[in-house]
Amino acid sequence: MKALLIVTASMIAGVAHAEAPETTKDLQCMVAYSYHLGTTEDVAAKASLAVGLFYYQGRIEGREPGLDFPPAFKRELYGMSDEAIDAAMTRCVAAVQARSQQMQAIAKDVEADAARP
């Protein structure tokens, strides 16, 4: 019995923090953005990629402020193939663009409200 408890305690101690599925997806987005940041020399592209990277970092920190970030990021990084990185980039860019369009629509609404007498 004591041996079973020791094994169980060892297993529990070795288990990493389990993130919410959304956090895992956001970590994958950060991996994709980081990868592309490291492979481009285009200054404008780097700036755009940095915005996406920080967007997903903020989502993660807002959702799971206590997340031990470095091992979680590394786990996703080392677990993703080139194809998975490309797929994540496609998904993540589309999500950032959708959020950007939403924010632009809100800005137009606010401007219209401000223009009313």
PDB file of N, CA and C in Angstrom:
ATOM      1  N   MET A   1       0.829  -1.193   0.000  1.00  0.00           N
ATOM      2  CA  MET A   1       0.000   0.000   0.000  1.00  0.00           C
ATOM      3  C   MET A   1       0.873   1.256   0.000  1.00  0.00           C
ATOM      4  N   LYS A   2       1.902   1.257   0.855  1.00  0.00           N
ATOM      5  CA  LYS A   2       2.780   2.412   0.924  1.00  0.00           C
ATOM      6  C   LYS A   2       3.480   2.639  -0.412  1.00  0.00           C
ATOM      7  N   ALA A   3       3.882   1.579  -1.079  1.00  0.00           N
ATOM      8  CA  ALA A   3       4.534   1.698  -2.383  1.00  0.00           C
ATOM      9  C   ALA A   3       3.585   2.308  -3.403  1.00  0.00           C
ATOM     10  N   LEU A   4       2.314   1.924  -3.380  1.00  0.00           N
ATOM     11  CA  LEU A   4       1.320   2.477  -4.298  1.00  0.00           C
ATOM     12  C   LEU A   4       1.150   3.973  -4.064  1.00  0.00           C
ATOM     13  N   LEU A   5       1.123   4.388  -2.802  1.00  0.00           N
ATOM     14  CA  LEU A   5       0.997   5.805  -2.487  1.00  0.00           C
ATOM     15  C   LEU A   5       2.211   6.590  -2.972  1.00  0.00           C
ATOM     16  N   ILE A   6       3.383   6.011  -2.822  1.00  0.00           N
ATOM     17  CA  ILE A   6       4.606   6.690  -3.275  1.00  0.00           C
ATOM     18  C   ILE A   6       4.590   6.843  -4.787  1.00  0.00           C
ATOM     19  N   VAL A   7       4.212   5.790  -5.498  1.00  0.00           N
ATOM     20  CA  VAL A   7       4.138   5.843  -6.964  1.00  0.00           C
ATOM     21  C   VAL A   7       3.093   6.862  -7.393  1.00  0.00           C
ATOM     22  N   THR A   8       1.935   6.851  -6.769  1.00  0.00           N
ATOM     23  CA  THR A   8       0.865   7.791  -7.113  1.00  0.00           C
ATOM     24  C   THR A   8       1.312   9.224  -6.838  1.00  0.00           C
ATOM     25  N   ALA A   9       1.931   9.462  -5.701  1.00  0.00           N
ATOM     26  CA  ALA A   9       2.409  10.813  -5.378  1.00  0.00           C
ATOM     27  C   ALA A   9       3.464  11.263  -6.375  1.00  0.00           C
ATOM     28  N   SER A  10       4.338  10.351  -6.784  1.00  0.00           N
ATOM     29  CA  SER A  10       5.365  10.687  -7.772  1.00  0.00           C
ATOM     30  C   SER A  10       4.732  11.047  -9.108  1.00  0.00           C
ATOM     31  N   MET A  11       3.703  10.312  -9.490  1.00  0.00           N
ATOM     32  CA  MET A  11       3.018  10.595 -10.754  1.00  0.00           C
ATOM     33  C   MET A  11       2.333  11.953 -10.690  1.00  0.00           C
ATOM     34  N   ILE A  12       1.674  12.238  -9.585  1.00  0.00           N
ATOM     35  CA  ILE A  12       0.978  13.516  -9.440  1.00  0.00           C
ATOM     36  C   ILE A  12       1.984  14.664  -9.452  1.00  0.00           C
ATOM     37  N   ALA A  13       3.102  14.500  -8.783  1.00  0.00           N
ATOM     38  CA  ALA A  13       4.110  15.555  -8.734  1.00  0.00           C
ATOM     39  C   ALA A  13       4.701  15.816 -10.106  1.00  0.00           C
ATOM     40  N   GLY A  14       4.767  14.792 -10.945  1.00  0.00           N
ATOM     41  CA  GLY A  14       5.348  14.935 -12.274  1.00  0.00           C
ATOM     42  C   GLY A  14       4.384  15.436 -13.316  1.00  0.00           C
ATOM     43  N   VAL A  15       3.117  15.549 -12.992  1.00  0.00           N
ATOM     44  CA  VAL A  15       2.127  16.004 -13.957  1.00  0.00           C
ATOM     45  C   VAL A  15       2.200  17.518 -14.066  1.00  0.00           C
ATOM     46  N   ALA A  16       2.348  18.004 -15.296  1.00  0.00           N
ATOM     47  CA  ALA A  16       2.380  19.445 -15.518  1.00  0.00           C
ATOM     48  C   ALA A  16       0.978  20.008 -15.363  1.00  0.00           C
ATOM     49  N   HIS A  17       0.923  21.294 -15.135  1.00  0.00           N
ATOM     50  CA  HIS A  17      -0.361  21.986 -15.051  1.00  0.00           C
ATOM     51  C   HIS A  17      -1.141  21.736 -16.336  1.00  0.00           C
ATOM     52  N   ALA A  18      -2.350  21.256 -16.204  1.00  0.00           N
ATOM     53  CA  ALA A  18      -3.176  20.998 -17.381  1.00  0.00           C
ATOM     54  C   ALA A  18      -3.909  22.281 -17.749  1.00  0.00           C
ATOM     55  N   GLU A  19      -3.626  22.773 -18.948  1.00  0.00           N
ATOM     56  CA  GLU A  19      -4.263  24.008 -19.383  1.00  0.00           C
ATOM     57  C   GLU A  19      -5.639  23.722 -19.956  1.00  0.00           C
ATOM     58  N   ALA A  20      -6.420  24.775 -20.012  1.00  0.00           N
ATOM     59  CA  ALA A  20      -7.697  24.708 -20.713  1.00  0.00           C
ATOM     60  C   ALA A  20      -7.392  24.498 -22.200  1.00  0.00           C
ATOM     61  N   PRO A  21      -8.287  23.831 -22.929  1.00  0.00           N
ATOM     62  CA  PRO A  21      -8.045  23.614 -24.363  1.00  0.00           C
ATOM     63  C   PRO A  21      -7.769  24.918 -25.120  1.00  0.00           C
ATOM     64  N   GLU A  22      -8.422  26.003 -24.720  1.00  0.00           N
ATOM     65  CA  GLU A  22      -8.190  27.286 -25.380  1.00  0.00           C
ATOM     66  C   GLU A  22      -6.762  27.764 -25.151  1.00  0.00           C
ATOM     67  N   THR A  23      -6.237  27.481 -23.971  1.00  0.00           N
ATOM     68  CA  THR A  23      -4.868  27.881 -23.662  1.00  0.00           C
ATOM     69  C   THR A  23      -3.887  27.106 -24.521  1.00  0.00           C
ATOM     70  N   THR A  24      -4.124  25.828 -24.695  1.00  0.00           N
ATOM     71  CA  THR A  24      -3.257  25.020 -25.558  1.00  0.00           C
ATOM     72  C   THR A  24      -3.264  25.575 -26.972  1.00  0.00           C
ATOM     73  N   LYS A  25      -4.431  25.915 -27.478  1.00  0.00           N
ATOM     74  CA  LYS A  25      -4.518  26.490 -28.831  1.00  0.00           C
ATOM     75  C   LYS A  25      -3.789  27.824 -28.896  1.00  0.00           C
ATOM     76  N   ASP A  26      -3.924  28.638 -27.853  1.00  0.00           N
ATOM     77  CA  ASP A  26      -3.239  29.928 -27.842  1.00  0.00           C
ATOM     78  C   ASP A  26      -1.723  29.749 -27.750  1.00  0.00           C
ATOM     79  N   LEU A  27      -1.270  28.760 -27.004  1.00  0.00           N
ATOM     80  CA  LEU A  27       0.167  28.464 -26.966  1.00  0.00           C
ATOM     81  C   LEU A  27       0.664  28.047 -28.345  1.00  0.00           C
ATOM     82  N   GLN A  28      -0.139  27.276 -29.051  1.00  0.00           N
ATOM     83  CA  GLN A  28       0.229  26.883 -30.410  1.00  0.00           C
ATOM     84  C   GLN A  28       0.323  28.110 -31.319  1.00  0.00           C
ATOM     85  N   CYS A  29      -0.567  29.069 -31.114  1.00  0.00           N
ATOM     86  CA  CYS A  29      -0.493  30.319 -31.881  1.00  0.00           C
ATOM     87  C   CYS A  29       0.800  31.057 -31.565  1.00  0.00           C
ATOM     88  N   MET A  30       1.167  31.092 -30.298  1.00  0.00           N
ATOM     89  CA  MET A  30       2.413  31.757 -29.925  1.00  0.00           C
ATOM     90  C   MET A  30       3.614  31.070 -30.554  1.00  0.00           C
ATOM     91  N   VAL A  31       3.586  29.747 -30.609  1.00  0.00           N
ATOM     92  CA  VAL A  31       4.666  29.017 -31.262  1.00  0.00           C
ATOM     93  C   VAL A  31       4.735  29.411 -32.735  1.00  0.00           C
ATOM     94  N   ALA A  32       3.583  29.433 -33.396  1.00  0.00           N
ATOM     95  CA  ALA A  32       3.552  29.768 -34.827  1.00  0.00           C
ATOM     96  C   ALA A  32       4.054  31.191 -35.064  1.00  0.00           C
ATOM     97  N   TYR A  33       3.567  32.144 -34.272  1.00  0.00           N
ATOM     98  CA  TYR A  33       4.022  33.529 -34.427  1.00  0.00           C
ATOM     99  C   TYR A  33       5.520  33.640 -34.133  1.00  0.00           C
ATOM    100  N   SER A  34       5.993  32.969 -33.103  1.00  0.00           N
ATOM    101  CA  SER A  34       7.413  33.004 -32.748  1.00  0.00           C
ATOM    102  C   SER A  34       8.269  32.429 -33.868  1.00  0.00           C
ATOM    103  N   TYR A  35       7.817  31.315 -34.425  1.00  0.00           N
ATOM    104  CA  TYR A  35       8.552  30.684 -35.519  1.00  0.00           C
ATOM    105  C   TYR A  35       8.706  31.661 -36.685  1.00  0.00           C
ATOM    106  N   HIS A  36       7.594  32.275 -37.073  1.00  0.00           N
ATOM    107  CA  HIS A  36       7.636  33.183 -38.220  1.00  0.00           C
ATOM    108  C   HIS A  36       8.413  34.465 -37.905  1.00  0.00           C
ATOM    109  N   LEU A  37       8.381  34.910 -36.655  1.00  0.00           N
ATOM    110  CA  LEU A  37       9.206  36.055 -36.260  1.00  0.00           C
ATOM    111  C   LEU A  37      10.686  35.750 -36.467  1.00  0.00           C
ATOM    112  N   GLY A  38      11.055  34.506 -36.203  1.00  0.00           N
ATOM    113  CA  GLY A  38      12.450  34.110 -36.339  1.00  0.00           C
ATOM    114  C   GLY A  38      12.889  33.804 -37.750  1.00  0.00           C
ATOM    115  N   THR A  39      11.954  33.747 -38.678  1.00  0.00           N
ATOM    116  CA  THR A  39      12.322  33.359 -40.040  1.00  0.00           C
ATOM    117  C   THR A  39      12.143  34.474 -41.069  1.00  0.00           C
ATOM    118  N   THR A  40      11.698  35.652 -40.626  1.00  0.00           N
ATOM    119  CA  THR A  40      11.529  36.747 -41.573  1.00  0.00           C
ATOM    120  C   THR A  40      12.499  37.875 -41.268  1.00  0.00           C
ATOM    121  N   GLU A  41      12.909  38.568 -42.314  1.00  0.00           N
ATOM    122  CA  GLU A  41      13.756  39.747 -42.166  1.00  0.00           C
ATOM    123  C   GLU A  41      12.947  41.022 -42.396  1.00  0.00           C
ATOM    124  N   ASP A  42      11.706  40.884 -42.858  1.00  0.00           N
ATOM    125  CA  ASP A  42      10.840  42.014 -43.176  1.00  0.00           C
ATOM    126  C   ASP A  42      10.422  42.719 -41.882  1.00  0.00           C
ATOM    127  N   VAL A  43      10.794  43.987 -41.759  1.00  0.00           N
ATOM    128  CA  VAL A  43      10.536  44.743 -40.534  1.00  0.00           C
ATOM    129  C   VAL A  43       9.035  44.893 -40.280  1.00  0.00           C
ATOM    130  N   ALA A  44       8.277  45.190 -41.319  1.00  0.00           N
ATOM    131  CA  ALA A  44       6.822  45.346 -41.157  1.00  0.00           C
ATOM    132  C   ALA A  44       6.184  44.020 -40.747  1.00  0.00           C
ATOM    133  N   ALA A  45       6.640  42.937 -41.341  1.00  0.00           N
ATOM    134  CA  ALA A  45       6.112  41.616 -40.979  1.00  0.00           C
ATOM    135  C   ALA A  45       6.444  41.292 -39.532  1.00  0.00           C
ATOM    136  N   LYS A  46       7.660  41.619 -39.104  1.00  0.00           N
ATOM    137  CA  LYS A  46       8.048  41.373 -37.713  1.00  0.00           C
ATOM    138  C   LYS A  46       7.145  42.138 -36.752  1.00  0.00           C
ATOM    139  N   ALA A  47       6.827  43.383 -37.094  1.00  0.00           N
ATOM    140  CA  ALA A  47       5.962  44.188 -36.229  1.00  0.00           C
ATOM    141  C   ALA A  47       4.573  43.564 -36.137  1.00  0.00           C
ATOM    142  N   SER A  48       4.049  43.128 -37.252  1.00  0.00           N
ATOM    143  CA  SER A  48       2.729  42.499 -37.275  1.00  0.00           C
ATOM    144  C   SER A  48       2.737  41.180 -36.505  1.00  0.00           C
ATOM    145  N   LEU A  49       3.777  40.410 -36.690  1.00  0.00           N
ATOM    146  CA  LEU A  49       3.889  39.139 -35.978  1.00  0.00           C
ATOM    147  C   LEU A  49       4.020  39.362 -34.477  1.00  0.00           C
ATOM    148  N   ALA A  50       4.740  40.400 -34.082  1.00  0.00           N
ATOM    149  CA  ALA A  50       4.892  40.697 -32.654  1.00  0.00           C
ATOM    150  C   ALA A  50       3.547  41.049 -32.031  1.00  0.00           C
ATOM    151  N   VAL A  51       2.718  41.787 -32.765  1.00  0.00           N
ATOM    152  CA  VAL A  51       1.380  42.122 -32.261  1.00  0.00           C
ATOM    153  C   VAL A  51       0.593  40.838 -32.007  1.00  0.00           C
ATOM    154  N   GLY A  52       0.617  39.916 -32.959  1.00  0.00           N
ATOM    155  CA  GLY A  52      -0.090  38.646 -32.790  1.00  0.00           C
ATOM    156  C   GLY A  52       0.453  37.848 -31.619  1.00  0.00           C
ATOM    157  N   LEU A  53       1.764  37.832 -31.484  1.00  0.00           N
ATOM    158  CA  LEU A  53       2.397  37.099 -30.389  1.00  0.00           C
ATOM    159  C   LEU A  53       1.926  37.639 -29.041  1.00  0.00           C
ATOM    160  N   PHE A  54       1.948  38.960 -28.892  1.00  0.00           N
ATOM    161  CA  PHE A  54       1.527  39.557 -27.622  1.00  0.00           C
ATOM    162  C   PHE A  54       0.027  39.425 -27.403  1.00  0.00           C
ATOM    163  N   TYR A  55      -0.744  39.420 -28.474  1.00  0.00           N
ATOM    164  CA  TYR A  55      -2.191  39.205 -28.354  1.00  0.00           C
ATOM    165  C   TYR A  55      -2.456  37.854 -27.687  1.00  0.00           C
ATOM    166  N   TYR A  56      -1.809  36.808 -28.202  1.00  0.00           N
ATOM    167  CA  TYR A  56      -2.042  35.477 -27.642  1.00  0.00           C
ATOM    168  C   TYR A  56      -1.433  35.331 -26.248  1.00  0.00           C
ATOM    169  N   GLN A  57      -0.319  35.987 -25.989  1.00  0.00           N
ATOM    170  CA  GLN A  57       0.241  35.945 -24.640  1.00  0.00           C
ATOM    171  C   GLN A  57      -0.737  36.574 -23.651  1.00  0.00           C
ATOM    172  N   GLY A  58      -1.341  37.687 -24.036  1.00  0.00           N
ATOM    173  CA  GLY A  58      -2.321  38.340 -23.170  1.00  0.00           C
ATOM    174  C   GLY A  58      -3.541  37.477 -22.919  1.00  0.00           C
ATOM    175  N   ARG A  59      -3.994  36.774 -23.938  1.00  0.00           N
ATOM    176  CA  ARG A  59      -5.135  35.872 -23.762  1.00  0.00           C
ATOM    177  C   ARG A  59      -4.795  34.786 -22.738  1.00  0.00           C
ATOM    178  N   ILE A  60      -3.601  34.234 -22.869  1.00  0.00           N
ATOM    179  CA  ILE A  60      -3.188  33.168 -21.955  1.00  0.00           C
ATOM    180  C   ILE A  60      -3.076  33.700 -20.530  1.00  0.00           C
ATOM    181  N   GLU A  61      -2.393  34.821 -20.371  1.00  0.00           N
ATOM    182  CA  GLU A  61      -2.200  35.375 -19.029  1.00  0.00           C
ATOM    183  C   GLU A  61      -3.527  35.794 -18.407  1.00  0.00           C
ATOM    184  N   GLY A  62      -4.462  36.257 -19.219  1.00  0.00           N
ATOM    185  CA  GLY A  62      -5.776  36.623 -18.695  1.00  0.00           C
ATOM    186  C   GLY A  62      -6.582  35.415 -18.265  1.00  0.00           C
ATOM    187  N   ARG A  63      -6.447  34.332 -18.985  1.00  0.00           N
ATOM    188  CA  ARG A  63      -7.208  33.127 -18.692  1.00  0.00           C
ATOM    189  C   ARG A  63      -6.582  32.325 -17.570  1.00  0.00           C
ATOM    190  N   GLU A  64      -5.257  32.231 -17.571  1.00  0.00           N
ATOM    191  CA  GLU A  64      -4.550  31.400 -16.586  1.00  0.00           C
ATOM    192  C   GLU A  64      -3.338  32.153 -16.045  1.00  0.00           C
ATOM    193  N   PRO A  65      -3.579  33.126 -15.173  1.00  0.00           N
ATOM    194  CA  PRO A  65      -2.467  33.951 -14.690  1.00  0.00           C
ATOM    195  C   PRO A  65      -1.379  33.173 -13.951  1.00  0.00           C
ATOM    196  N   GLY A  66      -1.685  32.034 -13.401  1.00  0.00           N
ATOM    197  CA  GLY A  66      -0.688  31.258 -12.667  1.00  0.00           C
ATOM    198  C   GLY A  66       0.041  30.224 -13.503  1.00  0.00           C
ATOM    199  N   LEU A  67      -0.201  30.206 -14.799  1.00  0.00           N
ATOM    200  CA  LEU A  67       0.412  29.205 -15.669  1.00  0.00           C
ATOM    201  C   LEU A  67       1.937  29.341 -15.658  1.00  0.00           C
ATOM    202  N   ASP A  68       2.613  28.224 -15.490  1.00  0.00           N
ATOM    203  CA  ASP A  68       4.074  28.191 -15.589  1.00  0.00           C
ATOM    204  C   ASP A  68       4.396  28.224 -17.077  1.00  0.00           C
ATOM    205  N   PHE A  69       4.579  29.423 -17.597  1.00  0.00           N
ATOM    206  CA  PHE A  69       4.616  29.640 -19.034  1.00  0.00           C
ATOM    207  C   PHE A  69       5.759  28.930 -19.767  1.00  0.00           C
ATOM    208  N   PRO A  70       7.013  29.040 -19.338  1.00  0.00           N
ATOM    209  CA  PRO A  70       8.098  28.443 -20.123  1.00  0.00           C
ATOM    210  C   PRO A  70       7.922  26.952 -20.437  1.00  0.00           C
ATOM    211  N   PRO A  71       7.606  26.100 -19.457  1.00  0.00           N
ATOM    212  CA  PRO A  71       7.445  24.690 -19.823  1.00  0.00           C
ATOM    213  C   PRO A  71       6.222  24.439 -20.704  1.00  0.00           C
ATOM    214  N   ALA A  72       5.164  25.222 -20.503  1.00  0.00           N
ATOM    215  CA  ALA A  72       3.972  25.040 -21.338  1.00  0.00           C
ATOM    216  C   ALA A  72       4.281  25.407 -22.780  1.00  0.00           C
ATOM    217  N   PHE A  73       4.994  26.510 -22.980  1.00  0.00           N
ATOM    218  CA  PHE A  73       5.377  26.931 -24.331  1.00  0.00           C
ATOM    219  C   PHE A  73       6.289  25.885 -24.974  1.00  0.00           C
ATOM    220  N   LYS A  74       7.293  25.437 -24.227  1.00  0.00           N
ATOM    221  CA  LYS A  74       8.231  24.451 -24.766  1.00  0.00           C
ATOM    222  C   LYS A  74       7.534  23.151 -25.131  1.00  0.00           C
ATOM    223  N   ARG A  75       6.584  22.738 -24.316  1.00  0.00           N
ATOM    224  CA  ARG A  75       5.859  21.498 -24.604  1.00  0.00           C
ATOM    225  C   ARG A  75       5.156  21.607 -25.957  1.00  0.00           C
ATOM    226  N   GLU A  76       4.504  22.729 -26.200  1.00  0.00           N
ATOM    227  CA  GLU A  76       3.832  22.911 -27.493  1.00  0.00           C
ATOM    228  C   GLU A  76       4.851  23.035 -28.618  1.00  0.00           C
ATOM    229  N   LEU A  77       5.902  23.811 -28.386  1.00  0.00           N
ATOM    230  CA  LEU A  77       6.933  24.001 -29.402  1.00  0.00           C
ATOM    231  C   LEU A  77       7.515  22.672 -29.857  1.00  0.00           C
ATOM    232  N   TYR A  78       7.926  21.856 -28.906  1.00  0.00           N
ATOM    233  CA  TYR A  78       8.582  20.601 -29.250  1.00  0.00           C
ATOM    234  C   TYR A  78       7.614  19.546 -29.763  1.00  0.00           C
ATOM    235  N   GLY A  79       6.328  19.750 -29.530  1.00  0.00           N
ATOM    236  CA  GLY A  79       5.332  18.786 -29.987  1.00  0.00           C
ATOM    237  C   GLY A  79       4.720  19.101 -31.335  1.00  0.00           C
ATOM    238  N   MET A  80       5.102  20.233 -31.933  1.00  0.00           N
ATOM    239  CA  MET A  80       4.475  20.650 -33.185  1.00  0.00           C
ATOM    240  C   MET A  80       5.385  20.391 -34.380  1.00  0.00           C
ATOM    241  N   SER A  81       4.818  19.777 -35.400  1.00  0.00           N
ATOM    242  CA  SER A  81       5.532  19.592 -36.664  1.00  0.00           C
ATOM    243  C   SER A  81       5.461  20.887 -37.464  1.00  0.00           C
ATOM    244  N   ASP A  82       6.212  20.954 -38.548  1.00  0.00           N
ATOM    245  CA  ASP A  82       6.134  22.123 -39.428  1.00  0.00           C
ATOM    246  C   ASP A  82       4.721  22.303 -39.963  1.00  0.00           C
ATOM    247  N   GLU A  83       4.077  21.193 -40.279  1.00  0.00           N
ATOM    248  CA  GLU A  83       2.696  21.250 -40.790  1.00  0.00           C
ATOM    249  C   GLU A  83       1.743  21.781 -39.722  1.00  0.00           C
ATOM    250  N   ALA A  84       1.955  21.364 -38.487  1.00  0.00           N
ATOM    251  CA  ALA A  84       1.102  21.842 -37.391  1.00  0.00           C
ATOM    252  C   ALA A  84       1.320  23.334 -37.148  1.00  0.00           C
ATOM    253  N   ILE A  85       2.559  23.785 -37.284  1.00  0.00           N
ATOM    254  CA  ILE A  85       2.852  25.213 -37.130  1.00  0.00           C
ATOM    255  C   ILE A  85       2.153  26.001 -38.233  1.00  0.00           C
ATOM    256  N   ASP A  86       2.224  25.504 -39.468  1.00  0.00           N
ATOM    257  CA  ASP A  86       1.545  26.189 -40.579  1.00  0.00           C
ATOM    258  C   ASP A  86       0.035  26.230 -40.374  1.00  0.00           C
ATOM    259  N   ALA A  87      -0.533  25.129 -39.925  1.00  0.00           N
ATOM    260  CA  ALA A  87      -1.978  25.079 -39.682  1.00  0.00           C
ATOM    261  C   ALA A  87      -2.363  26.034 -38.556  1.00  0.00           C
ATOM    262  N   ALA A  88      -1.557  26.071 -37.504  1.00  0.00           N
ATOM    263  CA  ALA A  88      -1.833  26.984 -36.396  1.00  0.00           C
ATOM    264  C   ALA A  88      -1.748  28.428 -36.876  1.00  0.00           C
ATOM    265  N   MET A  89      -0.758  28.722 -37.703  1.00  0.00           N
ATOM    266  CA  MET A  89      -0.598  30.096 -38.190  1.00  0.00           C
ATOM    267  C   MET A  89      -1.825  30.521 -38.987  1.00  0.00           C
ATOM    268  N   THR A  90      -2.310  29.653 -39.834  1.00  0.00           N
ATOM    269  CA  THR A  90      -3.505  29.962 -40.623  1.00  0.00           C
ATOM    270  C   THR A  90      -4.686  30.240 -39.705  1.00  0.00           C
ATOM    271  N   ARG A  91      -4.899  29.372 -38.730  1.00  0.00           N
ATOM    272  CA  ARG A  91      -6.005  29.520 -37.794  1.00  0.00           C
ATOM    273  C   ARG A  91      -5.860  30.784 -36.953  1.00  0.00           C
ATOM    274  N   CYS A  92      -4.666  31.014 -36.475  1.00  0.00           N
ATOM    275  CA  CYS A  92      -4.436  32.123 -35.553  1.00  0.00           C
ATOM    276  C   CYS A  92      -4.503  33.479 -36.245  1.00  0.00           C
ATOM    277  N   VAL A  93      -3.963  33.567 -37.448  1.00  0.00           N
ATOM    278  CA  VAL A  93      -4.035  34.820 -38.202  1.00  0.00           C
ATOM    279  C   VAL A  93      -5.492  35.155 -38.502  1.00  0.00           C
ATOM    280  N   ALA A  94      -6.267  34.152 -38.883  1.00  0.00           N
ATOM    281  CA  ALA A  94      -7.691  34.386 -39.160  1.00  0.00           C
ATOM    282  C   ALA A  94      -8.403  34.910 -37.916  1.00  0.00           C
ATOM    283  N   ALA A  95      -8.069  34.374 -36.761  1.00  0.00           N
ATOM    284  CA  ALA A  95      -8.704  34.823 -35.515  1.00  0.00           C
ATOM    285  C   ALA A  95      -8.300  36.254 -35.178  1.00  0.00           C
ATOM    286  N   VAL A  96      -7.025  36.591 -35.361  1.00  0.00           N
ATOM    287  CA  VAL A  96      -6.561  37.953 -35.083  1.00  0.00           C
ATOM    288  C   VAL A  96      -7.212  38.928 -36.065  1.00  0.00           C
ATOM    289  N   GLN A  97      -7.311  38.541 -37.322  1.00  0.00           N
ATOM    290  CA  GLN A  97      -7.953  39.407 -38.308  1.00  0.00           C
ATOM    291  C   GLN A  97      -9.425  39.632 -37.970  1.00  0.00           C
ATOM    292  N   ALA A  98     -10.102  38.592 -37.537  1.00  0.00           N
ATOM    293  CA  ALA A  98     -11.514  38.733 -37.150  1.00  0.00           C
ATOM    294  C   ALA A  98     -11.646  39.681 -35.968  1.00  0.00           C
ATOM    295  N   ARG A  99     -10.765  39.568 -34.985  1.00  0.00           N
ATOM    296  CA  ARG A  99     -10.801  40.461 -33.824  1.00  0.00           C
ATOM    297  C   ARG A  99     -10.494  41.888 -34.256  1.00  0.00           C
ATOM    298  N   SER A 100      -9.555  42.044 -35.157  1.00  0.00           N
ATOM    299  CA  SER A 100      -9.200  43.364 -35.662  1.00  0.00           C
ATOM    300  C   SER A 100     -10.382  44.016 -36.377  1.00  0.00           C
ATOM    301  N   GLN A 101     -11.078  43.249 -37.190  1.00  0.00           N
ATOM    302  CA  GLN A 101     -12.262  43.768 -37.883  1.00  0.00           C
ATOM    303  C   GLN A 101     -13.341  44.162 -36.880  1.00  0.00           C
ATOM    304  N   GLN A 102     -13.496  43.361 -35.844  1.00  0.00           N
ATOM    305  CA  GLN A 102     -14.474  43.683 -34.809  1.00  0.00           C
ATOM    306  C   GLN A 102     -14.109  44.999 -34.117  1.00  0.00           C
ATOM    307  N   MET A 103     -12.843  45.180 -33.812  1.00  0.00           N
ATOM    308  CA  MET A 103     -12.407  46.410 -33.159  1.00  0.00           C
ATOM    309  C   MET A 103     -12.568  47.612 -34.087  1.00  0.00           C
ATOM    310  N   GLN A 104     -12.325  47.430 -35.377  1.00  0.00           N
ATOM    311  CA  GLN A 104     -12.515  48.514 -36.338  1.00  0.00           C
ATOM    312  C   GLN A 104     -13.986  48.910 -36.415  1.00  0.00           C
ATOM    313  N   ALA A 105     -14.867  47.936 -36.369  1.00  0.00           N
ATOM    314  CA  ALA A 105     -16.304  48.226 -36.393  1.00  0.00           C
ATOM    315  C   ALA A 105     -16.718  48.992 -35.139  1.00  0.00           C
ATOM    316  N   ILE A 106     -16.182  48.617 -34.001  1.00  0.00           N
ATOM    317  CA  ILE A 106     -16.476  49.337 -32.758  1.00  0.00           C
ATOM    318  C   ILE A 106     -15.968  50.776 -32.862  1.00  0.00           C
ATOM    319  N   ALA A 107     -14.777  50.955 -33.410  1.00  0.00           N
ATOM    320  CA  ALA A 107     -14.218  52.306 -33.560  1.00  0.00           C
ATOM    321  C   ALA A 107     -15.106  53.165 -34.450  1.00  0.00           C
ATOM    322  N   LYS A 108     -15.615  52.595 -35.531  1.00  0.00           N
ATOM    323  CA  LYS A 108     -16.524  53.341 -36.413  1.00  0.00           C
ATOM    324  C   LYS A 108     -17.793  53.735 -35.687  1.00  0.00           C
ATOM    325  N   ASP A 109     -18.330  52.822 -34.896  1.00  0.00           N
ATOM    326  CA  ASP A 109     -19.532  53.116 -34.120  1.00  0.00           C
ATOM    327  C   ASP A 109     -19.285  54.255 -33.132  1.00  0.00           C
ATOM    328  N   VAL A 110     -18.154  54.215 -32.467  1.00  0.00           N
ATOM    329  CA  VAL A 110     -17.807  55.261 -31.496  1.00  0.00           C
ATOM    330  C   VAL A 110     -17.635  56.601 -32.219  1.00  0.00           C
ATOM    331  N   GLU A 111     -16.974  56.579 -33.368  1.00  0.00           N
ATOM    332  CA  GLU A 111     -16.798  57.809 -34.141  1.00  0.00           C
ATOM    333  C   GLU A 111     -18.149  58.367 -34.576  1.00  0.00           C
ATOM    334  N   ALA A 112     -19.034  57.492 -35.016  1.00  0.00           N
ATOM    335  CA  ALA A 112     -20.371  57.931 -35.423  1.00  0.00           C
ATOM    336  C   ALA A 112     -21.130  58.515 -34.234  1.00  0.00           C
ATOM    337  N   ASP A 113     -21.014  57.898 -33.089  1.00  0.00           N
ATOM    338  CA  ASP A 113     -21.664  58.416 -31.882  1.00  0.00           C
ATOM    339  C   ASP A 113     -21.108  59.786 -31.521  1.00  0.00           C
ATOM    340  N   ALA A 114     -19.814  59.951 -31.653  1.00  0.00           N
ATOM    341  CA  ALA A 114     -19.172  61.222 -31.302  1.00  0.00           C
ATOM    342  C   ALA A 114     -19.553  62.340 -32.271  1.00  0.00           C
ATOM    343  N   ALA A 115     -19.873  61.978 -33.507  1.00  0.00           N
ATOM    344  CA  ALA A 115     -20.232  62.976 -34.512  1.00  0.00           C
ATOM    345  C   ALA A 115     -21.672  63.460 -34.384  1.00  0.00           C
ATOM    346  N   ARG A 116     -22.475  62.744 -33.636  1.00  0.00           N
ATOM    347  CA  ARG A 116     -23.871  63.145 -33.448  1.00  0.00           C
ATOM    348  C   ARG A 116     -23.957  64.368 -32.555  1.00  0.00           C
ATOM    349  N   PRO A 117     -24.869  65.293 -32.901  1.00  0.00           N
ATOM    350  CA  PRO A 117     -25.007  66.499 -32.078  1.00  0.00           C
ATOM    351  C   PRO A 117     -25.666  66.213 -30.744  1.00  0.00           C
TER     352      PRO A 117
END
